[in-house]
Amino acid sequence: MGIGASTTLLMGELASDSRRGRINFIYGLQYSLRALTIYILGSFIGWEAQSFACACFSLSYLVLLLTFVPDTPRHLIKNEQYEKAMKTVEYIRDSKNVRTEYEQVSSYQLY
């Protein structure tokens, strides 16, 4: 549950406004397909093996993906790493013209 909530939050922060809905839809669809796979696997293997397989898959998936995910611009601005935040926005949007979005992110109330 914690992995799913943090993944949705991270996708919401990193995705552009025009892509956010599609990305969250795909994530929801993926979640449903994983549940269906578990139900099907449950017919063939015991719950102990199924639980262990799911834990191993989730852990390896988490470790693999988190090595490639950059810090969010909000997190970097909150920690006063402004130059790195600007580079992160450029990397996420794959563009050098991101000044407006950077200013919008930096103007949010950060706690």
N, C-alpha and C. Protein backbone atom coordinates (compact mmCIF):
# COMPACT_ATOMS: atom_id res chain seq x y z
N MET A 1 0.83 -1.20 0.00
CA MET A 1 0.00 0.00 0.00
C MET A 1 0.87 1.26 0.00
N GLY A 2 1.91 1.28 0.80
CA GLY A 2 2.78 2.44 0.87
C GLY A 2 3.49 2.71 -0.45
N ILE A 3 3.89 1.65 -1.14
CA ILE A 3 4.57 1.81 -2.42
C ILE A 3 3.61 2.40 -3.44
N GLY A 4 2.39 1.93 -3.46
CA GLY A 4 1.41 2.44 -4.42
C GLY A 4 1.07 3.90 -4.18
N ALA A 5 0.91 4.29 -2.92
CA ALA A 5 0.59 5.69 -2.62
C ALA A 5 1.74 6.61 -2.98
N SER A 6 2.95 6.21 -2.67
CA SER A 6 4.09 7.07 -2.99
C SER A 6 4.33 7.12 -4.50
N THR A 7 4.05 6.05 -5.20
CA THR A 7 4.22 6.04 -6.65
C THR A 7 3.23 6.99 -7.31
N THR A 8 1.98 6.98 -6.87
CA THR A 8 0.97 7.87 -7.43
C THR A 8 1.33 9.32 -7.14
N LEU A 9 1.81 9.60 -5.95
CA LEU A 9 2.21 10.96 -5.61
C LEU A 9 3.39 11.41 -6.46
N LEU A 10 4.36 10.55 -6.63
CA LEU A 10 5.53 10.88 -7.43
C LEU A 10 5.15 11.12 -8.89
N MET A 11 4.29 10.29 -9.43
CA MET A 11 3.85 10.48 -10.82
C MET A 11 3.08 11.78 -10.96
N GLY A 12 2.29 12.12 -9.96
CA GLY A 12 1.55 13.38 -10.01
C GLY A 12 2.46 14.59 -10.00
N GLU A 13 3.56 14.52 -9.27
CA GLU A 13 4.50 15.63 -9.22
C GLU A 13 5.36 15.74 -10.46
N LEU A 14 5.76 14.62 -11.03
CA LEU A 14 6.70 14.65 -12.14
C LEU A 14 6.03 14.76 -13.50
N ALA A 15 4.79 14.33 -13.62
CA ALA A 15 4.12 14.34 -14.92
C ALA A 15 3.62 15.74 -15.26
N SER A 16 3.66 16.07 -16.54
CA SER A 16 3.12 17.36 -16.98
C SER A 16 1.59 17.31 -16.90
N ASP A 17 0.98 18.48 -16.91
CA ASP A 17 -0.48 18.54 -16.79
C ASP A 17 -1.19 17.79 -17.90
N SER A 18 -0.64 17.84 -19.11
CA SER A 18 -1.30 17.19 -20.24
C SER A 18 -1.19 15.67 -20.22
N ARG A 19 -0.23 15.14 -19.47
CA ARG A 19 -0.02 13.69 -19.43
C ARG A 19 -0.46 13.04 -18.12
N ARG A 20 -0.74 13.82 -17.11
CA ARG A 20 -0.99 13.28 -15.78
C ARG A 20 -2.17 12.31 -15.74
N GLY A 21 -3.25 12.63 -16.42
CA GLY A 21 -4.42 11.76 -16.41
C GLY A 21 -4.14 10.41 -17.06
N ARG A 22 -3.47 10.43 -18.20
CA ARG A 22 -3.13 9.18 -18.89
C ARG A 22 -2.21 8.32 -18.06
N ILE A 23 -1.21 8.95 -17.45
CA ILE A 23 -0.25 8.18 -16.67
C ILE A 23 -0.93 7.54 -15.46
N ASN A 24 -1.79 8.29 -14.77
CA ASN A 24 -2.49 7.71 -13.62
C ASN A 24 -3.48 6.65 -14.05
N PHE A 25 -4.09 6.79 -15.23
CA PHE A 25 -4.97 5.74 -15.74
C PHE A 25 -4.19 4.46 -16.00
N ILE A 26 -3.03 4.59 -16.64
CA ILE A 26 -2.20 3.41 -16.93
C ILE A 26 -1.76 2.75 -15.63
N TYR A 27 -1.42 3.56 -14.62
CA TYR A 27 -1.04 3.00 -13.34
C TYR A 27 -2.20 2.22 -12.72
N GLY A 28 -3.40 2.77 -12.77
CA GLY A 28 -4.57 2.07 -12.23
C GLY A 28 -4.86 0.78 -12.97
N LEU A 29 -4.71 0.81 -14.30
CA LEU A 29 -4.89 -0.40 -15.11
C LEU A 29 -3.85 -1.45 -14.76
N GLN A 30 -2.61 -1.01 -14.58
CA GLN A 30 -1.54 -1.93 -14.20
C GLN A 30 -1.83 -2.56 -12.83
N TYR A 31 -2.33 -1.77 -11.92
CA TYR A 31 -2.67 -2.27 -10.59
C TYR A 31 -3.75 -3.36 -10.69
N SER A 32 -4.76 -3.12 -11.51
CA SER A 32 -5.83 -4.11 -11.69
C SER A 32 -5.31 -5.38 -12.34
N LEU A 33 -4.43 -5.25 -13.33
CA LEU A 33 -3.87 -6.44 -13.98
C LEU A 33 -2.99 -7.24 -13.01
N ARG A 34 -2.29 -6.56 -12.13
CA ARG A 34 -1.51 -7.29 -11.12
C ARG A 34 -2.42 -8.07 -10.19
N ALA A 35 -3.54 -7.47 -9.78
CA ALA A 35 -4.49 -8.17 -8.92
C ALA A 35 -5.06 -9.39 -9.63
N LEU A 36 -5.41 -9.26 -10.89
CA LEU A 36 -5.92 -10.38 -11.67
C LEU A 36 -4.88 -11.49 -11.76
N THR A 37 -3.62 -11.13 -11.98
CA THR A 37 -2.54 -12.11 -12.05
C THR A 37 -2.41 -12.88 -10.74
N ILE A 38 -2.53 -12.16 -9.63
CA ILE A 38 -2.43 -12.81 -8.32
C ILE A 38 -3.58 -13.79 -8.12
N TYR A 39 -4.78 -13.41 -8.53
CA TYR A 39 -5.92 -14.33 -8.40
C TYR A 39 -5.72 -15.59 -9.24
N ILE A 40 -5.19 -15.42 -10.44
CA ILE A 40 -4.95 -16.57 -11.31
C ILE A 40 -3.84 -17.45 -10.73
N LEU A 41 -2.74 -16.83 -10.28
CA LEU A 41 -1.66 -17.61 -9.67
C LEU A 41 -2.11 -18.35 -8.42
N GLY A 42 -3.03 -17.75 -7.69
CA GLY A 42 -3.54 -18.37 -6.47
C GLY A 42 -4.21 -19.72 -6.72
N SER A 43 -4.65 -19.97 -7.93
CA SER A 43 -5.27 -21.25 -8.27
C SER A 43 -4.23 -22.36 -8.39
N PHE A 44 -2.99 -21.99 -8.63
CA PHE A 44 -1.96 -22.99 -8.91
C PHE A 44 -0.91 -23.15 -7.82
N ILE A 45 -0.65 -22.11 -7.06
CA ILE A 45 0.36 -22.22 -6.00
C ILE A 45 -0.24 -21.81 -4.67
N GLY A 46 0.41 -22.20 -3.60
CA GLY A 46 -0.06 -21.89 -2.26
C GLY A 46 0.15 -20.42 -1.91
N TRP A 47 -0.50 -19.99 -0.84
CA TRP A 47 -0.43 -18.58 -0.48
C TRP A 47 0.96 -18.18 0.01
N GLU A 48 1.71 -19.14 0.61
CA GLU A 48 3.05 -18.82 1.10
C GLU A 48 3.99 -18.50 -0.07
N ALA A 49 3.97 -19.36 -1.09
CA ALA A 49 4.82 -19.14 -2.26
C ALA A 49 4.38 -17.88 -3.02
N GLN A 50 3.09 -17.68 -3.09
CA GLN A 50 2.57 -16.49 -3.77
C GLN A 50 2.98 -15.22 -3.03
N SER A 51 2.91 -15.24 -1.73
CA SER A 51 3.30 -14.09 -0.93
C SER A 51 4.79 -13.79 -1.09
N PHE A 52 5.60 -14.84 -1.06
CA PHE A 52 7.04 -14.66 -1.23
C PHE A 52 7.39 -14.13 -2.61
N ALA A 53 6.74 -14.66 -3.64
CA ALA A 53 6.99 -14.21 -5.02
C ALA A 53 6.60 -12.74 -5.19
N CYS A 54 5.46 -12.35 -4.63
CA CYS A 54 5.02 -10.96 -4.73
C CYS A 54 5.98 -10.02 -3.99
N ALA A 55 6.45 -10.44 -2.83
CA ALA A 55 7.38 -9.61 -2.06
C ALA A 55 8.70 -9.44 -2.81
N CYS A 56 9.22 -10.52 -3.38
CA CYS A 56 10.48 -10.44 -4.13
C CYS A 56 10.32 -9.56 -5.37
N PHE A 57 9.22 -9.72 -6.08
CA PHE A 57 8.99 -8.92 -7.28
C PHE A 57 8.84 -7.45 -6.91
N SER A 58 8.07 -7.15 -5.89
CA SER A 58 7.86 -5.76 -5.49
C SER A 58 9.15 -5.10 -5.03
N LEU A 59 9.93 -5.82 -4.27
CA LEU A 59 11.19 -5.26 -3.76
C LEU A 59 12.17 -5.01 -4.90
N SER A 60 12.32 -5.96 -5.80
CA SER A 60 13.25 -5.76 -6.92
C SER A 60 12.77 -4.64 -7.83
N TYR A 61 11.47 -4.54 -8.06
CA TYR A 61 10.89 -3.48 -8.88
C TYR A 61 11.15 -2.12 -8.23
N LEU A 62 10.95 -2.04 -6.93
CA LEU A 62 11.16 -0.79 -6.21
C LEU A 62 12.62 -0.35 -6.25
N VAL A 63 13.53 -1.26 -5.96
CA VAL A 63 14.95 -0.92 -5.95
C VAL A 63 15.43 -0.53 -7.35
N LEU A 64 14.99 -1.25 -8.34
CA LEU A 64 15.41 -0.95 -9.70
C LEU A 64 14.91 0.42 -10.16
N LEU A 65 13.65 0.70 -9.94
CA LEU A 65 13.10 1.96 -10.43
C LEU A 65 13.55 3.17 -9.63
N LEU A 66 13.72 3.03 -8.34
CA LEU A 66 14.11 4.18 -7.53
C LEU A 66 15.55 4.62 -7.79
N THR A 67 16.35 3.78 -8.41
CA THR A 67 17.70 4.22 -8.75
C THR A 67 17.69 5.19 -9.92
N PHE A 68 16.62 5.21 -10.71
CA PHE A 68 16.55 6.07 -11.88
C PHE A 68 15.63 7.27 -11.72
N VAL A 69 14.89 7.35 -10.63
CA VAL A 69 13.94 8.44 -10.44
C VAL A 69 14.66 9.63 -9.80
N PRO A 70 14.58 10.81 -10.42
CA PRO A 70 15.23 11.98 -9.83
C PRO A 70 14.42 12.53 -8.66
N ASP A 71 15.07 13.32 -7.81
CA ASP A 71 14.34 14.02 -6.76
C ASP A 71 13.37 15.00 -7.41
N THR A 72 12.24 15.24 -6.78
CA THR A 72 11.27 16.16 -7.36
C THR A 72 11.74 17.59 -7.18
N PRO A 73 11.35 18.45 -8.10
CA PRO A 73 11.75 19.86 -7.96
C PRO A 73 11.27 20.49 -6.65
N ARG A 74 10.09 20.11 -6.20
CA ARG A 74 9.58 20.67 -4.93
C ARG A 74 10.49 20.30 -3.77
N HIS A 75 10.93 19.06 -3.75
CA HIS A 75 11.82 18.61 -2.68
C HIS A 75 13.15 19.37 -2.73
N LEU A 76 13.69 19.56 -3.91
CA LEU A 76 14.96 20.26 -4.05
C LEU A 76 14.83 21.73 -3.67
N ILE A 77 13.74 22.38 -4.06
CA ILE A 77 13.53 23.78 -3.69
C ILE A 77 13.36 23.91 -2.19
N LYS A 78 12.64 22.98 -1.60
CA LYS A 78 12.45 23.00 -0.15
C LYS A 78 13.80 22.91 0.57
N ASN A 79 14.73 22.17 0.01
CA ASN A 79 16.07 22.02 0.60
C ASN A 79 17.07 23.03 0.05
N GLU A 80 16.55 24.06 -0.61
CA GLU A 80 17.35 25.18 -1.12
C GLU A 80 18.43 24.75 -2.13
N GLN A 81 18.11 23.78 -2.95
CA GLN A 81 18.99 23.34 -4.03
C GLN A 81 18.38 23.81 -5.35
N TYR A 82 18.40 25.12 -5.56
CA TYR A 82 17.68 25.73 -6.66
C TYR A 82 18.23 25.36 -8.03
N GLU A 83 19.53 25.32 -8.17
CA GLU A 83 20.14 24.98 -9.47
C GLU A 83 19.82 23.54 -9.86
N LYS A 84 19.90 22.66 -8.89
CA LYS A 84 19.59 21.25 -9.16
C LYS A 84 18.10 21.09 -9.48
N ALA A 85 17.25 21.89 -8.84
CA ALA A 85 15.81 21.84 -9.11
C ALA A 85 15.53 22.27 -10.55
N MET A 86 16.22 23.30 -11.00
CA MET A 86 16.04 23.76 -12.37
C MET A 86 16.49 22.70 -13.37
N LYS A 87 17.60 22.05 -13.10
CA LYS A 87 18.08 20.98 -13.98
C LYS A 87 17.12 19.79 -13.98
N THR A 88 16.50 19.51 -12.83
CA THR A 88 15.54 18.41 -12.76
C THR A 88 14.31 18.72 -13.60
N VAL A 89 13.83 19.95 -13.54
CA VAL A 89 12.68 20.34 -14.36
C VAL A 89 13.04 20.22 -15.85
N GLU A 90 14.24 20.64 -16.21
CA GLU A 90 14.68 20.51 -17.61
C GLU A 90 14.75 19.04 -18.02
N TYR A 91 15.23 18.19 -17.13
CA TYR A 91 15.35 16.76 -17.44
C TYR A 91 13.97 16.12 -17.58
N ILE A 92 13.06 16.45 -16.68
CA ILE A 92 11.73 15.85 -16.70
C ILE A 92 10.96 16.27 -17.95
N ARG A 93 11.04 17.53 -18.31
CA ARG A 93 10.30 18.05 -19.46
C ARG A 93 11.07 17.91 -20.77
N ASP A 94 12.31 17.51 -20.70
CA ASP A 94 13.16 17.32 -21.89
C ASP A 94 13.19 18.59 -22.74
N SER A 95 13.40 19.71 -22.06
CA SER A 95 13.43 21.00 -22.74
C SER A 95 14.25 21.98 -21.91
N LYS A 96 14.80 22.96 -22.58
CA LYS A 96 15.56 24.00 -21.88
C LYS A 96 14.67 25.20 -21.53
N ASN A 97 13.49 25.28 -22.11
CA ASN A 97 12.59 26.41 -21.90
C ASN A 97 11.54 26.05 -20.84
N VAL A 98 11.96 25.98 -19.59
CA VAL A 98 11.07 25.57 -18.51
C VAL A 98 11.01 26.60 -17.40
N ARG A 99 11.42 27.82 -17.68
CA ARG A 99 11.49 28.87 -16.66
C ARG A 99 10.14 29.12 -16.01
N THR A 100 9.07 29.16 -16.81
CA THR A 100 7.73 29.43 -16.28
C THR A 100 7.31 28.34 -15.31
N GLU A 101 7.53 27.10 -15.69
CA GLU A 101 7.14 26.00 -14.80
C GLU A 101 7.99 25.99 -13.53
N TYR A 102 9.27 26.29 -13.67
CA TYR A 102 10.14 26.35 -12.49
C TYR A 102 9.65 27.42 -11.53
N GLU A 103 9.28 28.58 -12.04
CA GLU A 103 8.79 29.66 -11.19
C GLU A 103 7.45 29.28 -10.54
N GLN A 104 6.63 28.56 -11.26
CA GLN A 104 5.35 28.12 -10.72
C GLN A 104 5.57 27.13 -9.57
N VAL A 105 6.47 26.18 -9.75
CA VAL A 105 6.77 25.20 -8.70
C VAL A 105 7.38 25.88 -7.50
N SER A 106 8.28 26.83 -7.73
CA SER A 106 8.97 27.47 -6.62
C SER A 106 8.06 28.43 -5.86
N SER A 107 6.93 28.86 -6.47
CA SER A 107 6.02 29.77 -5.78
C SER A 107 5.03 29.05 -4.87
N TYR A 108 4.94 27.71 -4.96
CA TYR A 108 4.02 26.96 -4.11
C TYR A 108 4.44 27.07 -2.66
N GLN A 109 3.46 26.98 -1.78
CA GLN A 109 3.75 26.98 -0.35
C GLN A 109 4.35 25.63 0.01
N LEU A 110 5.58 25.63 0.49
CA LEU A 110 6.27 24.39 0.82
C LEU A 110 6.34 24.24 2.34
N TYR A 111 6.01 23.06 2.82
CA TYR A 111 6.06 22.80 4.27
C TYR A 111 7.14 21.84 4.60
